[in-house]
Amino acid sequence: MIYVDADACPVKAEAERVATRHALRLFIVSNGGIRPSPNPLVETVIVPDGPDVADIWIAERAGTGDVVVTGDIPLAARCVAAGARVIRHNGESLHARNIGQVLATRDLMADLRAADPFRQGGGAAFTKADRARFLDGLEREVRAAKADAAAKAAPKAGNE
């Protein structure tokens, strides 16, 4: 399955295209304001208002064989710990080897912004190149997640 943290997600349509190509269920999770897709593989999940409710919903379900699309680093860390594949909107894959560094950088930047109110700035604009990197990255992560699920389902050698 693919789970999309849909609040402020610029790549929902791309995730739906990849999910449809692979015949995977896609969960678009938000606290509202999302138009449901007519695609039978896509389920729009509206969670109650509240801090991190969508993140909690995704983190409780994502695991080995699943892909999570999110820009939320703490959610990504929880999903990686559960065995899920995680990809950011710009195509960057998050995994056990890099999630610690990404979390530390996020925390450092939050501290810098808190210390200097003039250092608020927004991120760079989302480009066609970002969208293309996301599509390529999601395709790779879906294939890897399928391999993860197959490996988990395969009987252990010598236990037959």
C-alpha atoms as a PDB file:
ATOM      1  CA  MET A   1       0.000   0.000   0.000  1.00  0.00           C
ATOM      2  CA  ILE A   2       0.952   3.617  -0.407  1.00  0.00           C
ATOM      3  CA  TYR A   3       0.083   6.160   2.282  1.00  0.00           C
ATOM      4  CA  VAL A   4       0.155   9.871   1.435  1.00  0.00           C
ATOM      5  CA  ASP A   5       0.326  12.500   4.164  1.00  0.00           C
ATOM      6  CA  ALA A   6      -1.883  14.725   2.035  1.00  0.00           C
ATOM      7  CA  ASP A   7      -1.915  18.062   3.855  1.00  0.00           C
ATOM      8  CA  ALA A   8       0.166  20.402   1.676  1.00  0.00           C
ATOM      9  CA  CYS A   9       1.268  17.493  -0.537  1.00  0.00           C
ATOM     10  CA  PRO A  10       2.022  18.639  -4.098  1.00  0.00           C
ATOM     11  CA  VAL A  11       2.334  15.117  -5.564  1.00  0.00           C
ATOM     12  CA  LYS A  12      -0.987  13.398  -4.829  1.00  0.00           C
ATOM     13  CA  ALA A  13      -1.804  12.961  -8.538  1.00  0.00           C
ATOM     14  CA  GLU A  14       1.621  11.464  -9.233  1.00  0.00           C
ATOM     15  CA  ALA A  15       1.256   9.032  -6.327  1.00  0.00           C
ATOM     16  CA  GLU A  16      -2.133   7.983  -7.717  1.00  0.00           C
ATOM     17  CA  ARG A  17      -0.606   7.328 -11.154  1.00  0.00           C
ATOM     18  CA  VAL A  18       2.101   5.086  -9.696  1.00  0.00           C
ATOM     19  CA  ALA A  19      -0.349   3.263  -7.406  1.00  0.00           C
ATOM     20  CA  THR A  20      -2.677   2.616 -10.345  1.00  0.00           C
ATOM     21  CA  ARG A  21       0.174   1.338 -12.532  1.00  0.00           C
ATOM     22  CA  HIS A  22       1.143  -1.151  -9.796  1.00  0.00           C
ATOM     23  CA  ALA A  23      -2.472  -1.942  -8.778  1.00  0.00           C
ATOM     24  CA  LEU A  24      -1.767  -0.832  -5.196  1.00  0.00           C
ATOM     25  CA  ARG A  25      -4.183   0.661  -2.713  1.00  0.00           C
ATOM     26  CA  LEU A  26      -3.478   4.321  -2.055  1.00  0.00           C
ATOM     27  CA  PHE A  27      -4.583   6.088   1.104  1.00  0.00           C
ATOM     28  CA  ILE A  28      -4.778   9.878   0.892  1.00  0.00           C
ATOM     29  CA  VAL A  29      -4.837  10.945   4.550  1.00  0.00           C
ATOM     30  CA  SER A  30      -5.856  14.460   5.555  1.00  0.00           C
ATOM     31  CA  ASN A  31      -7.915  16.399   8.050  1.00  0.00           C
ATOM     32  CA  GLY A  32     -10.139  17.687   5.251  1.00  0.00           C
ATOM     33  CA  GLY A  33     -10.249  19.785   2.126  1.00  0.00           C
ATOM     34  CA  ILE A  34      -9.272  16.962  -0.227  1.00  0.00           C
ATOM     35  CA  ARG A  35     -11.440  16.057  -3.201  1.00  0.00           C
ATOM     36  CA  PRO A  36     -12.000  12.267  -3.305  1.00  0.00           C
ATOM     37  CA  SER A  37     -10.693  10.432  -6.339  1.00  0.00           C
ATOM     38  CA  PRO A  38     -13.052   8.293  -8.436  1.00  0.00           C
ATOM     39  CA  ASN A  39     -10.241   5.709  -8.735  1.00  0.00           C
ATOM     40  CA  PRO A  40     -11.338   2.502  -6.918  1.00  0.00           C
ATOM     41  CA  LEU A  41      -7.762   1.955  -5.673  1.00  0.00           C
ATOM     42  CA  VAL A  42      -7.717   5.336  -3.910  1.00  0.00           C
ATOM     43  CA  GLU A  43      -9.259   5.811  -0.481  1.00  0.00           C
ATOM     44  CA  THR A  44      -9.524   9.313   0.928  1.00  0.00           C
ATOM     45  CA  VAL A  45      -9.212   9.190   4.712  1.00  0.00           C
ATOM     46  CA  ILE A  46     -10.423  12.254   6.599  1.00  0.00           C
ATOM     47  CA  VAL A  47      -9.168  12.260  10.175  1.00  0.00           C
ATOM     48  CA  PRO A  48     -10.461  14.510  12.979  1.00  0.00           C
ATOM     49  CA  ASP A  49      -8.843  17.899  13.537  1.00  0.00           C
ATOM     50  CA  GLY A  50      -5.977  17.909  15.952  1.00  0.00           C
ATOM     51  CA  PRO A  51      -2.223  17.950  16.051  1.00  0.00           C
ATOM     52  CA  ASP A  52      -0.600  15.088  14.156  1.00  0.00           C
ATOM     53  CA  VAL A  53      -3.820  13.046  13.830  1.00  0.00           C
ATOM     54  CA  ALA A  54      -3.107  12.186  10.176  1.00  0.00           C
ATOM     55  CA  ASP A  55       0.474  11.297  11.094  1.00  0.00           C
ATOM     56  CA  ILE A  56      -0.694   8.987  13.867  1.00  0.00           C
ATOM     57  CA  TRP A  57      -3.201   7.285  11.527  1.00  0.00           C
ATOM     58  CA  ILE A  58      -0.453   6.588   8.973  1.00  0.00           C
ATOM     59  CA  ALA A  59       2.196   5.543  11.517  1.00  0.00           C
ATOM     60  CA  GLU A  60      -0.170   3.021  13.130  1.00  0.00           C
ATOM     61  CA  ARG A  61      -0.698   1.251   9.791  1.00  0.00           C
ATOM     62  CA  ALA A  62       2.483   1.555   7.710  1.00  0.00           C
ATOM     63  CA  GLY A  63       4.965  -1.288   7.825  1.00  0.00           C
ATOM     64  CA  THR A  64       7.093  -3.623   5.738  1.00  0.00           C
ATOM     65  CA  GLY A  65       5.949  -3.646   2.121  1.00  0.00           C
ATOM     66  CA  ASP A  66       4.345  -0.196   2.336  1.00  0.00           C
ATOM     67  CA  VAL A  67       5.468   3.192   1.009  1.00  0.00           C
ATOM     68  CA  VAL A  68       4.778   6.473   2.805  1.00  0.00           C
ATOM     69  CA  VAL A  69       4.854   9.835   1.034  1.00  0.00           C
ATOM     70  CA  THR A  70       5.488  12.640   3.509  1.00  0.00           C
ATOM     71  CA  GLY A  71       7.475  15.761   4.174  1.00  0.00           C
ATOM     72  CA  ASP A  72       6.990  15.321   7.921  1.00  0.00           C
ATOM     73  CA  ILE A  73      10.311  14.094   9.317  1.00  0.00           C
ATOM     74  CA  PRO A  74       9.061  12.738  12.688  1.00  0.00           C
ATOM     75  CA  LEU A  75       6.372  10.753  10.821  1.00  0.00           C
ATOM     76  CA  ALA A  76       9.029   9.511   8.397  1.00  0.00           C
ATOM     77  CA  ALA A  77      11.180   8.332  11.323  1.00  0.00           C
ATOM     78  CA  ARG A  78       8.277   6.368  12.831  1.00  0.00           C
ATOM     79  CA  CYS A  79       7.472   4.741   9.487  1.00  0.00           C
ATOM     80  CA  VAL A  80      11.111   3.840   8.792  1.00  0.00           C
ATOM     81  CA  ALA A  81      11.304   2.254  12.262  1.00  0.00           C
ATOM     82  CA  ALA A  82       8.213   0.179  11.374  1.00  0.00           C
ATOM     83  CA  GLY A  83       9.879  -1.108   8.191  1.00  0.00           C
ATOM     84  CA  ALA A  84       8.064   1.063   5.638  1.00  0.00           C
ATOM     85  CA  ARG A  85       9.745   2.791   2.714  1.00  0.00           C
ATOM     86  CA  VAL A  86       9.505   6.593   2.918  1.00  0.00           C
ATOM     87  CA  ILE A  87       9.861   9.216   0.211  1.00  0.00           C
ATOM     88  CA  ARG A  88       9.636  12.995   0.437  1.00  0.00           C
ATOM     89  CA  HIS A  89       7.794  15.131  -2.130  1.00  0.00           C
ATOM     90  CA  ASN A  90      11.079  16.057  -3.825  1.00  0.00           C
ATOM     91  CA  GLY A  91      11.991  12.392  -4.441  1.00  0.00           C
ATOM     92  CA  GLU A  92      14.419  12.013  -1.524  1.00  0.00           C
ATOM     93  CA  SER A  93      14.217   8.557   0.047  1.00  0.00           C
ATOM     94  CA  LEU A  94      14.407   8.342   3.831  1.00  0.00           C
ATOM     95  CA  HIS A  95      15.705   5.137   5.366  1.00  0.00           C
ATOM     96  CA  ALA A  96      17.495   3.782   8.416  1.00  0.00           C
ATOM     97  CA  ARG A  97      20.878   5.035   7.153  1.00  0.00           C
ATOM     98  CA  ASN A  98      19.857   8.695   6.814  1.00  0.00           C
ATOM     99  CA  ILE A  99      16.813   9.356   8.997  1.00  0.00           C
ATOM    100  CA  GLY A 100      18.898  10.222  12.089  1.00  0.00           C
ATOM    101  CA  GLN A 101      20.823  12.895  10.206  1.00  0.00           C
ATOM    102  CA  VAL A 102      17.643  14.291   8.631  1.00  0.00           C
ATOM    103  CA  LEU A 103      15.977  14.490  12.074  1.00  0.00           C
ATOM    104  CA  ALA A 104      19.026  16.221  13.560  1.00  0.00           C
ATOM    105  CA  THR A 105      19.117  18.761  10.711  1.00  0.00           C
ATOM    106  CA  ARG A 106      15.399  19.433  11.143  1.00  0.00           C
ATOM    107  CA  ASP A 107      15.852  20.036  14.867  1.00  0.00           C
ATOM    108  CA  LEU A 108      18.881  22.292  14.292  1.00  0.00           C
ATOM    109  CA  MET A 109      16.984  24.398  11.753  1.00  0.00           C
ATOM    110  CA  ALA A 110      14.023  24.700  14.136  1.00  0.00           C
ATOM    111  CA  ASP A 111      16.394  25.920  16.858  1.00  0.00           C
ATOM    112  CA  LEU A 112      17.984  28.452  14.484  1.00  0.00           C
ATOM    113  CA  ARG A 113      14.573  29.785  13.431  1.00  0.00           C
ATOM    114  CA  ALA A 114      13.489  30.074  17.068  1.00  0.00           C
ATOM    115  CA  ALA A 115      16.680  31.982  17.948  1.00  0.00           C
ATOM    116  CA  ASP A 116      16.410  34.419  15.032  1.00  0.00           C
ATOM    117  CA  PRO A 117      12.885  35.585  14.149  1.00  0.00           C
ATOM    118  CA  PHE A 118      14.203  37.068  10.882  1.00  0.00           C
ATOM    119  CA  ARG A 119      15.424  33.646   9.699  1.00  0.00           C
ATOM    120  CA  GLN A 120      11.958  32.358   8.825  1.00  0.00           C
ATOM    121  CA  GLY A 121      12.140  32.112   5.012  1.00  0.00           C
ATOM    122  CA  GLY A 122      10.228  29.583   2.992  1.00  0.00           C
ATOM    123  CA  GLY A 123      11.595  26.717   0.986  1.00  0.00           C
ATOM    124  CA  ALA A 124      12.367  26.785  -2.692  1.00  0.00           C
ATOM    125  CA  ALA A 125       9.457  26.614  -5.132  1.00  0.00           C
ATOM    126  CA  PHE A 126       8.334  23.132  -6.204  1.00  0.00           C
ATOM    127  CA  THR A 127       9.496  22.555  -9.795  1.00  0.00           C
ATOM    128  CA  LYS A 128       8.887  20.177 -12.676  1.00  0.00           C
ATOM    129  CA  ALA A 129      12.284  18.647 -11.908  1.00  0.00           C
ATOM    130  CA  ASP A 130      11.130  17.961  -8.314  1.00  0.00           C
ATOM    131  CA  ARG A 131       8.002  16.295  -9.674  1.00  0.00           C
ATOM    132  CA  ALA A 132      10.069  14.128 -12.049  1.00  0.00           C
ATOM    133  CA  ARG A 133      12.476  13.149  -9.232  1.00  0.00           C
ATOM    134  CA  PHE A 134       9.482  12.223  -7.094  1.00  0.00           C
ATOM    135  CA  LEU A 135       8.003   9.988  -9.801  1.00  0.00           C
ATOM    136  CA  ASP A 136      11.330   8.215 -10.335  1.00  0.00           C
ATOM    137  CA  GLY A 137      11.887   7.846  -6.599  1.00  0.00           C
ATOM    138  CA  LEU A 138       8.376   6.578  -5.913  1.00  0.00           C
ATOM    139  CA  GLU A 139       8.710   3.989  -8.658  1.00  0.00           C
ATOM    140  CA  ARG A 140      11.971   2.742  -7.075  1.00  0.00           C
ATOM    141  CA  GLU A 141      10.468   2.685  -3.577  1.00  0.00           C
ATOM    142  CA  VAL A 142       7.355   0.792  -4.719  1.00  0.00           C
ATOM    143  CA  ARG A 143       9.498  -1.877  -6.378  1.00  0.00           C
ATOM    144  CA  ALA A 144      11.711  -2.135  -3.298  1.00  0.00           C
ATOM    145  CA  ALA A 145       8.660  -2.343  -1.012  1.00  0.00           C
ATOM    146  CA  LYS A 146       7.269  -5.193  -3.115  1.00  0.00           C
ATOM    147  CA  ALA A 147      10.600  -7.006  -2.717  1.00  0.00           C
ATOM    148  CA  ASP A 148      10.516  -6.336   1.051  1.00  0.00           C
ATOM    149  CA  ALA A 149       7.007  -7.800   1.304  1.00  0.00           C
ATOM    150  CA  ALA A 150       7.981 -10.857  -0.747  1.00  0.00           C
ATOM    151  CA  ALA A 151      11.051 -11.459   1.429  1.00  0.00           C
ATOM    152  CA  LYS A 152       8.960 -11.178   4.590  1.00  0.00           C
ATOM    153  CA  ALA A 153       6.359 -13.593   3.207  1.00  0.00           C
ATOM    154  CA  ALA A 154       8.919 -16.185   2.017  1.00  0.00           C
ATOM    155  CA  PRO A 155       9.398 -19.136   4.357  1.00  0.00           C
ATOM    156  CA  LYS A 156      12.740 -19.180   6.133  1.00  0.00           C
ATOM    157  CA  ALA A 157      15.200 -21.743   4.761  1.00  0.00           C
ATOM    158  CA  GLY A 158      15.408 -24.815   6.977  1.00  0.00           C
ATOM    159  CA  ASN A 159      12.050 -24.167   8.688  1.00  0.00           C
ATOM    160  CA  GLU A 160       9.940 -26.220   6.309  1.00  0.00           C
END
